[in-house]
N, C-alpha and C. Protein backbone atom coordinates (compact mmCIF):
# COMPACT_ATOMS: atom_id res chain seq x y z
N MET A 1 101.41 99.57 1.12
CA MET A 1 101.68 100.70 1.73
C MET A 1 101.04 100.59 3.13
N PRO A 2 102.07 100.10 4.34
CA PRO A 2 101.51 99.95 5.44
C PRO A 2 100.88 100.57 6.45
N GLY A 3 100.43 100.48 7.48
CA GLY A 3 99.78 101.56 8.08
C GLY A 3 100.82 101.79 9.53
N ILE A 4 100.62 102.00 10.69
CA ILE A 4 101.25 101.49 11.68
C ILE A 4 101.24 100.28 12.20
N ASP A 5 100.27 99.81 12.40
CA ASP A 5 100.86 98.43 13.33
C ASP A 5 101.67 97.42 12.17
N GLU A 6 101.12 97.43 11.16
CA GLU A 6 102.14 96.00 9.99
C GLU A 6 103.20 97.40 9.65
N CYS A 7 103.49 98.31 9.85
CA CYS A 7 104.87 98.97 9.97
C CYS A 7 106.05 97.93 11.24
N LEU A 8 105.13 98.22 12.45
CA LEU A 8 105.89 97.54 13.70
C LEU A 8 106.06 96.22 13.80
N LEU A 9 105.27 95.70 13.03
CA LEU A 9 105.30 94.53 13.14
C LEU A 9 106.03 94.09 12.02
N GLU A 10 106.62 94.41 11.27
CA GLU A 10 107.94 94.32 9.79
C GLU A 10 108.70 94.35 10.91
N ALA A 11 109.28 95.86 11.46
CA ALA A 11 110.01 95.93 12.25
C ALA A 11 110.24 95.13 12.89
N MET A 12 109.48 94.12 13.77
CA MET A 12 109.62 93.51 14.97
C MET A 12 109.93 91.87 14.80
N ALA A 13 110.03 92.36 12.77
CA ALA A 13 110.32 90.16 12.29
C ALA A 13 111.96 90.54 12.46
N LEU A 14 112.60 91.88 12.05
CA LEU A 14 113.87 91.82 12.14
C LEU A 14 114.77 91.04 13.33
N PRO A 15 115.67 90.42 12.77
CA PRO A 15 116.47 89.90 13.65
C PRO A 15 117.19 90.26 14.95
N GLY A 16 116.96 89.69 16.30
CA GLY A 16 117.41 91.13 17.63
C GLY A 16 116.37 91.83 17.48
N ALA A 17 114.82 91.95 17.24
CA ALA A 17 114.15 93.23 17.72
C ALA A 17 113.60 93.15 18.78
N ARG A 18 113.54 94.03 19.92
CA ARG A 18 113.11 93.70 21.27
C ARG A 18 111.82 94.37 21.05
N GLY A 19 111.59 95.49 20.45
CA GLY A 19 110.39 96.17 20.74
C GLY A 19 110.57 97.47 19.74
N ALA A 20 109.39 98.13 19.07
CA ALA A 20 109.20 99.13 18.55
C ALA A 20 108.23 100.03 18.69
N SER A 21 108.49 101.56 18.17
CA SER A 21 107.30 102.22 18.51
C SER A 21 107.43 103.74 17.09
N LEU A 22 106.24 103.90 17.17
CA LEU A 22 106.17 105.08 16.43
C LEU A 22 105.89 106.23 17.15
N VAL A 23 106.85 107.62 17.26
CA VAL A 23 106.27 108.47 18.35
C VAL A 23 106.43 109.96 17.56
N ASP A 24 106.03 110.25 17.99
CA ASP A 24 105.84 112.13 18.01
C ASP A 24 106.59 112.88 18.53
N TRP A 25 107.66 113.18 18.04
CA TRP A 25 109.46 113.76 19.14
C TRP A 25 108.39 115.09 19.17
N THR A 26 107.43 116.10 18.92
CA THR A 26 107.05 116.84 19.27
C THR A 26 106.16 116.60 20.78
N SER A 27 105.43 115.88 20.96
CA SER A 27 104.46 115.66 22.09
C SER A 27 105.04 114.50 22.92
N GLY A 28 105.70 113.73 22.12
CA GLY A 28 106.68 112.60 23.14
C GLY A 28 105.61 111.54 23.46
N LEU A 29 104.56 111.38 22.34
CA LEU A 29 103.53 110.23 22.78
C LEU A 29 103.97 109.16 21.85
N ALA A 30 103.64 108.17 22.04
CA ALA A 30 103.55 106.61 21.08
C ALA A 30 102.24 106.79 20.38
N LEU A 31 102.53 106.57 19.23
CA LEU A 31 101.48 106.55 18.01
C LEU A 31 101.03 105.07 17.93
N GLY A 32 102.02 104.13 18.46
CA GLY A 32 101.71 102.82 18.32
C GLY A 32 103.00 102.08 18.97
N THR A 33 103.03 101.09 19.34
CA THR A 33 103.85 99.98 20.01
C THR A 33 104.05 98.58 19.56
N ALA A 34 104.90 97.66 20.03
CA ALA A 34 104.76 96.51 19.34
C ALA A 34 106.32 96.03 20.31
N GLY A 35 106.12 94.62 20.90
CA GLY A 35 107.26 94.30 21.79
C GLY A 35 107.56 94.74 23.38
N ASP A 36 108.72 94.96 23.15
CA ASP A 36 108.78 95.43 24.59
C ASP A 36 108.62 96.78 24.71
N SER A 37 109.37 97.37 26.16
CA SER A 37 109.95 98.69 26.22
C SER A 37 111.61 98.14 26.64
N PRO A 38 112.70 99.19 26.80
CA PRO A 38 113.17 99.00 27.52
C PRO A 38 113.20 99.32 28.67
N VAL A 39 112.56 99.68 29.61
CA VAL A 39 111.93 100.28 30.78
C VAL A 39 110.98 99.45 31.36
N GLY A 40 110.36 98.71 30.52
CA GLY A 40 109.09 98.35 30.98
C GLY A 40 107.80 98.85 30.50
N ASP A 41 107.89 100.54 30.15
CA ASP A 41 106.91 101.29 29.79
C ASP A 41 107.07 101.46 28.22
N HIS A 42 106.18 101.94 27.64
CA HIS A 42 106.51 102.26 26.28
C HIS A 42 106.27 103.96 26.63
N GLU A 43 105.14 104.28 27.32
CA GLU A 43 105.14 105.83 27.46
C GLU A 43 106.59 106.46 27.48
N THR A 44 107.17 105.76 28.67
CA THR A 44 108.44 106.54 29.36
C THR A 44 109.30 106.16 27.88
N THR A 45 109.55 105.01 27.28
CA THR A 45 110.69 105.31 26.67
C THR A 45 110.16 106.35 25.54
N ALA A 46 108.68 106.53 24.92
CA ALA A 46 108.75 107.12 23.90
C ALA A 46 108.86 109.24 24.25
N ALA A 47 108.71 109.16 25.75
CA ALA A 47 109.07 110.25 25.79
C ALA A 47 110.16 111.05 26.17
N GLU A 48 111.47 109.27 26.41
CA GLU A 48 112.76 109.87 26.56
C GLU A 48 113.44 109.77 25.15
N THR A 49 112.92 109.29 24.04
CA THR A 49 113.82 109.02 22.77
C THR A 49 113.23 110.27 22.32
N ALA A 50 111.87 111.04 22.54
CA ALA A 50 111.71 112.11 21.59
C ALA A 50 112.57 113.10 22.16
N GLU A 51 112.85 112.83 23.38
CA GLU A 51 113.72 114.22 23.85
C GLU A 51 115.25 114.27 23.41
N LEU A 52 115.26 112.87 22.85
CA LEU A 52 117.15 112.94 21.97
C LEU A 52 116.61 113.24 20.38
N ALA A 53 115.34 112.64 19.63
CA ALA A 53 115.21 112.93 18.19
C ALA A 53 114.60 114.52 18.38
N ARG A 54 114.22 115.58 19.18
CA ARG A 54 114.24 116.44 19.34
C ARG A 54 115.11 117.31 19.31
N ALA A 55 116.30 116.81 19.72
CA ALA A 55 117.60 117.68 20.07
C ALA A 55 118.47 117.33 18.79
N ALA A 56 118.26 116.39 17.72
CA ALA A 56 118.94 115.89 17.03
C ALA A 56 118.30 117.22 15.72
N ALA A 57 116.56 117.08 16.03
CA ALA A 57 116.09 117.47 14.81
C ALA A 57 116.11 119.26 14.43
N GLU A 58 116.35 119.66 16.07
CA GLU A 58 115.96 121.05 16.08
C GLU A 58 117.71 121.87 15.89
N TYR A 59 118.52 121.30 16.70
CA TYR A 59 120.27 121.76 16.88
C TYR A 59 120.60 122.04 15.54
N GLU A 60 121.27 123.16 15.45
CA GLU A 60 122.09 123.72 14.40
C GLU A 60 123.10 122.85 13.98
N SER A 61 123.92 122.61 14.77
CA SER A 61 124.98 121.54 14.75
C SER A 61 125.34 120.65 14.07
N PHE A 62 123.83 119.58 13.79
CA PHE A 62 123.46 118.90 12.71
C PHE A 62 123.02 118.88 11.54
N ALA A 63 122.62 120.50 10.96
CA ALA A 63 122.07 120.93 10.13
C ALA A 63 123.28 121.86 9.50
N ALA A 64 124.21 122.25 9.95
CA ALA A 64 125.25 122.97 9.54
C ALA A 64 125.88 122.63 8.33
N GLY A 65 126.21 121.35 7.87
CA GLY A 65 126.74 121.23 7.16
C GLY A 65 125.73 120.91 5.96
N ASP A 66 124.16 121.03 6.23
CA ASP A 66 123.20 120.78 5.07
C ASP A 66 123.09 122.08 4.55
N SER A 67 123.50 123.07 5.46
CA SER A 67 123.14 124.68 4.89
C SER A 67 124.16 124.99 4.08
N LEU A 68 125.74 124.56 4.35
CA LEU A 68 126.85 125.14 3.86
C LEU A 68 126.88 124.44 2.29
N ALA A 69 126.26 123.33 2.08
CA ALA A 69 126.13 122.06 1.24
C ALA A 69 124.89 122.95 0.55
N ALA A 70 124.13 123.51 1.07
CA ALA A 70 123.34 124.08 -0.03
C ALA A 70 123.50 125.49 -0.75
N ASP A 71 124.63 126.24 -0.33
CA ASP A 71 125.05 127.36 -0.61
C ASP A 71 125.28 127.33 -2.16
N GLY A 72 125.80 126.38 -2.63
CA GLY A 72 126.36 126.34 -3.80
C GLY A 72 125.14 125.28 -4.52
N ALA A 73 124.14 125.24 -4.20
CA ALA A 73 122.86 124.61 -4.48
C ALA A 73 122.11 125.61 -5.67
N ASP A 74 121.35 125.08 -6.25
CA ASP A 74 120.57 125.94 -7.36
C ASP A 74 119.86 126.70 -6.75
N PRO A 75 119.85 127.96 -6.93
CA PRO A 75 119.23 128.81 -5.53
C PRO A 75 117.38 128.60 -6.09
N GLY A 76 117.04 128.07 -6.91
CA GLY A 76 115.45 127.85 -7.41
C GLY A 76 115.14 126.78 -6.70
N ALA A 77 116.31 125.35 -6.45
CA ALA A 77 115.49 124.07 -5.82
C ALA A 77 115.10 124.03 -4.44
N GLU A 78 114.10 123.29 -4.54
CA GLU A 78 113.25 123.09 -3.00
C GLU A 78 114.11 122.78 -2.20
N ALA A 79 114.21 123.39 -0.92
CA ALA A 79 114.82 122.52 0.14
C ALA A 79 114.40 121.26 0.97
N PRO A 80 115.09 120.59 1.22
CA PRO A 80 114.36 119.15 1.62
C PRO A 80 113.55 119.43 2.77
N LYS A 81 112.27 118.77 3.35
CA LYS A 81 111.58 118.36 3.68
C LYS A 81 112.24 117.96 5.07
N GLY A 82 111.13 118.40 6.36
CA GLY A 82 111.61 117.33 7.54
C GLY A 82 112.75 117.73 8.58
N PRO A 83 113.29 117.23 9.18
CA PRO A 83 114.57 117.30 9.84
C PRO A 83 115.92 117.15 8.93
N PRO A 84 117.16 117.36 9.37
CA PRO A 84 118.03 117.18 8.94
C PRO A 84 118.76 116.24 9.03
N VAL A 85 118.16 115.62 10.22
CA VAL A 85 118.81 113.98 10.52
C VAL A 85 118.12 112.94 9.67
N GLU A 86 118.50 112.02 9.43
CA GLU A 86 117.80 110.91 8.80
C GLU A 86 117.65 109.84 9.85
N ASP A 87 118.44 109.37 10.94
CA ASP A 87 118.32 108.63 11.74
C ASP A 87 119.34 108.74 12.55
N LEU A 88 119.13 108.08 13.98
CA LEU A 88 120.04 108.61 14.78
C LEU A 88 120.37 107.12 15.63
N ILE A 89 121.53 106.36 15.90
CA ILE A 89 121.82 105.18 16.47
C ILE A 89 122.46 105.52 17.72
N VAL A 90 121.67 105.08 18.89
CA VAL A 90 122.35 104.86 20.06
C VAL A 90 122.67 103.37 20.71
N THR A 91 124.38 103.20 20.95
CA THR A 91 124.91 102.15 21.24
C THR A 91 124.85 101.77 22.93
N THR A 92 124.40 101.11 23.47
CA THR A 92 124.11 100.60 25.03
C THR A 92 124.97 99.08 25.25
N ARG A 93 125.29 98.83 26.40
CA ARG A 93 126.32 97.37 26.64
C ARG A 93 125.37 96.79 26.15
N THR A 94 123.98 96.60 25.65
CA THR A 94 123.27 95.84 25.40
C THR A 94 122.58 95.44 24.37
N GLY A 95 122.57 96.88 23.75
CA GLY A 95 121.63 96.60 22.36
C GLY A 95 121.77 98.00 21.92
N TYR A 96 121.03 98.00 20.58
CA TYR A 96 121.20 99.30 19.87
C TYR A 96 119.48 99.79 19.81
N HIS A 97 119.61 101.10 19.43
CA HIS A 97 118.29 102.09 19.41
C HIS A 97 118.62 102.44 18.58
N VAL A 98 117.78 102.59 17.09
CA VAL A 98 117.34 103.19 16.00
C VAL A 98 116.52 104.47 16.11
N LEU A 99 116.81 104.80 15.73
CA LEU A 99 115.29 106.34 15.39
C LEU A 99 115.58 106.54 14.11
N ARG A 100 114.27 106.28 13.59
CA ARG A 100 114.70 107.36 12.08
C ARG A 100 112.97 107.79 11.38
N PHE A 101 113.97 108.89 11.02
CA PHE A 101 112.80 110.16 10.88
C PHE A 101 111.76 109.80 9.90
N VAL A 102 110.39 110.10 9.90
CA VAL A 102 109.64 109.90 8.92
C VAL A 102 109.14 111.12 8.06
N GLU A 103 109.58 110.98 7.58
CA GLU A 103 109.06 112.25 5.98
C GLU A 103 107.22 112.07 5.75
N THR A 104 106.66 112.97 5.99
CA THR A 104 105.53 112.87 6.12
C THR A 104 104.77 114.28 5.16
N ALA A 105 103.39 114.05 4.58
CA ALA A 105 103.40 115.16 3.71
C ALA A 105 102.88 116.64 4.51
N PHE A 106 102.36 115.93 6.08
CA PHE A 106 102.15 117.03 6.74
C PHE A 106 103.11 117.47 7.67
N ASP A 107 103.15 117.39 8.99
CA ASP A 107 103.92 118.16 10.12
C ASP A 107 105.33 117.31 10.27
N SER A 108 105.95 116.35 9.38
CA SER A 108 107.30 115.36 9.85
C SER A 108 107.68 115.39 11.30
N SER A 109 107.01 115.23 12.17
CA SER A 109 107.39 115.11 13.40
C SER A 109 107.64 113.52 14.03
N VAL A 110 107.20 112.88 13.38
CA VAL A 110 107.60 111.58 13.94
C VAL A 110 108.82 110.36 14.06
N PHE A 111 108.85 109.59 14.26
CA PHE A 111 109.91 109.04 14.29
C PHE A 111 109.81 106.95 14.51
N LEU A 112 110.14 106.46 13.78
CA LEU A 112 110.27 104.79 14.35
C LEU A 112 111.37 104.59 15.18
N HIS A 113 111.18 104.02 16.21
CA HIS A 113 112.06 103.47 17.61
C HIS A 113 112.36 102.19 17.39
N LEU A 114 113.54 101.88 17.05
CA LEU A 114 113.44 100.22 16.70
C LEU A 114 114.68 99.42 18.01
N TRP A 115 114.25 98.83 19.32
CA TRP A 115 115.22 98.50 20.19
C TRP A 115 115.63 97.07 19.79
N LEU A 116 117.00 97.04 19.41
CA LEU A 116 117.54 95.59 18.95
C LEU A 116 118.50 95.07 20.28
N ASP A 117 118.64 93.73 19.91
CA ASP A 117 119.81 93.25 20.74
C ASP A 117 121.11 93.03 20.28
N ARG A 118 121.84 93.64 21.49
CA ARG A 118 123.16 93.71 20.69
C ARG A 118 123.91 92.39 20.51
N THR A 119 123.40 91.00 21.13
CA THR A 119 123.92 90.00 20.21
C THR A 119 123.49 89.62 18.95
N ASP A 120 122.09 89.40 19.03
CA ASP A 120 121.42 88.98 17.78
C ASP A 120 121.15 90.43 16.67
N GLY A 121 121.22 91.06 16.89
CA GLY A 121 120.77 92.20 16.06
C GLY A 121 121.70 92.49 14.91
N ASN A 122 121.18 93.23 13.62
CA ASN A 122 122.24 93.63 12.76
C ASN A 122 122.05 94.97 12.42
N LEU A 123 122.39 95.68 12.74
CA LEU A 123 122.26 97.24 12.88
C LEU A 123 122.25 97.32 11.40
N ALA A 124 123.16 97.56 10.16
CA ALA A 124 123.02 97.57 9.38
C ALA A 124 121.77 97.04 8.25
N LEU A 125 121.31 96.21 8.56
CA LEU A 125 120.04 95.83 8.19
C LEU A 125 118.91 96.49 8.94
N ALA A 126 118.87 96.22 10.05
CA ALA A 126 118.15 97.35 10.92
C ALA A 126 117.70 98.86 10.45
N ARG A 127 118.73 99.49 9.96
CA ARG A 127 119.17 101.07 9.20
C ARG A 127 118.29 100.24 7.97
N LEU A 128 118.68 99.69 7.21
CA LEU A 128 117.60 99.75 5.83
C LEU A 128 116.28 99.48 5.64
N ARG A 129 116.21 98.42 6.76
CA ARG A 129 114.65 98.35 6.84
C ARG A 129 114.02 99.16 7.46
N LEU A 130 114.43 99.86 8.45
CA LEU A 130 113.68 101.06 8.45
C LEU A 130 113.60 102.24 7.90
N ARG A 131 114.95 102.61 6.89
CA ARG A 131 114.46 103.57 5.97
C ARG A 131 113.42 103.33 5.07
N ASP A 132 112.83 101.73 4.54
CA ASP A 132 112.39 101.23 3.82
C ASP A 132 110.99 101.19 4.11
N LEU A 133 110.38 101.33 5.37
CA LEU A 133 109.71 100.91 6.25
C LEU A 133 108.84 102.67 6.56
N ALA A 134 109.95 103.43 6.87
CA ALA A 134 109.49 104.74 6.86
C ALA A 134 109.01 105.26 5.54
N GLU A 135 109.34 105.05 4.52
CA GLU A 135 109.17 105.24 3.09
C GLU A 135 107.88 104.65 2.73
N ARG A 136 107.69 103.92 3.19
CA ARG A 136 106.25 103.39 3.29
C ARG A 136 105.32 103.54 3.66
N LEU A 137 105.45 103.98 4.97
CA LEU A 137 104.67 104.23 6.41
C LEU A 137 103.52 104.81 5.77
N VAL A 138 102.01 104.83 5.69
CA VAL A 138 100.99 105.43 5.48
C VAL A 138 100.30 105.83 6.97
N LEU A 139 100.33 107.28 7.30
CA LEU A 139 100.04 107.80 8.19
C LEU A 139 98.63 108.94 7.57
N GLY A 140 97.49 108.54 8.77
CA GLY A 140 96.48 108.89 8.86
C GLY A 140 95.47 108.64 8.55
């Protein structure tokens, strides 16, 4: 099970990876970084991506489908932990930004951010690998 540094190094091994970070979306602080930042400063990128992650995690519009689906669910079933969103993808003219929420035993307020070059990156592969990394990541 990889720690933060190992996880980010694995993310950077993906084709087209330009930068990766683990960010706390409540504070906007980067817990770890690797590679480059789109704006040249990892802390600025962490703060900006945290705003996007916080909006997706907290706005009712993104959780509405989940609560409707849960109406027919077993009343004794435990609700899923963490935010209702699994990941976010932002496409720019030159790249992709993939934010993958990480479920933890505690707060679940962190996400992996991967910045991919649009020409060389493989968005489908990146989503699959980030899901795997998020599941195996050890925080603590």
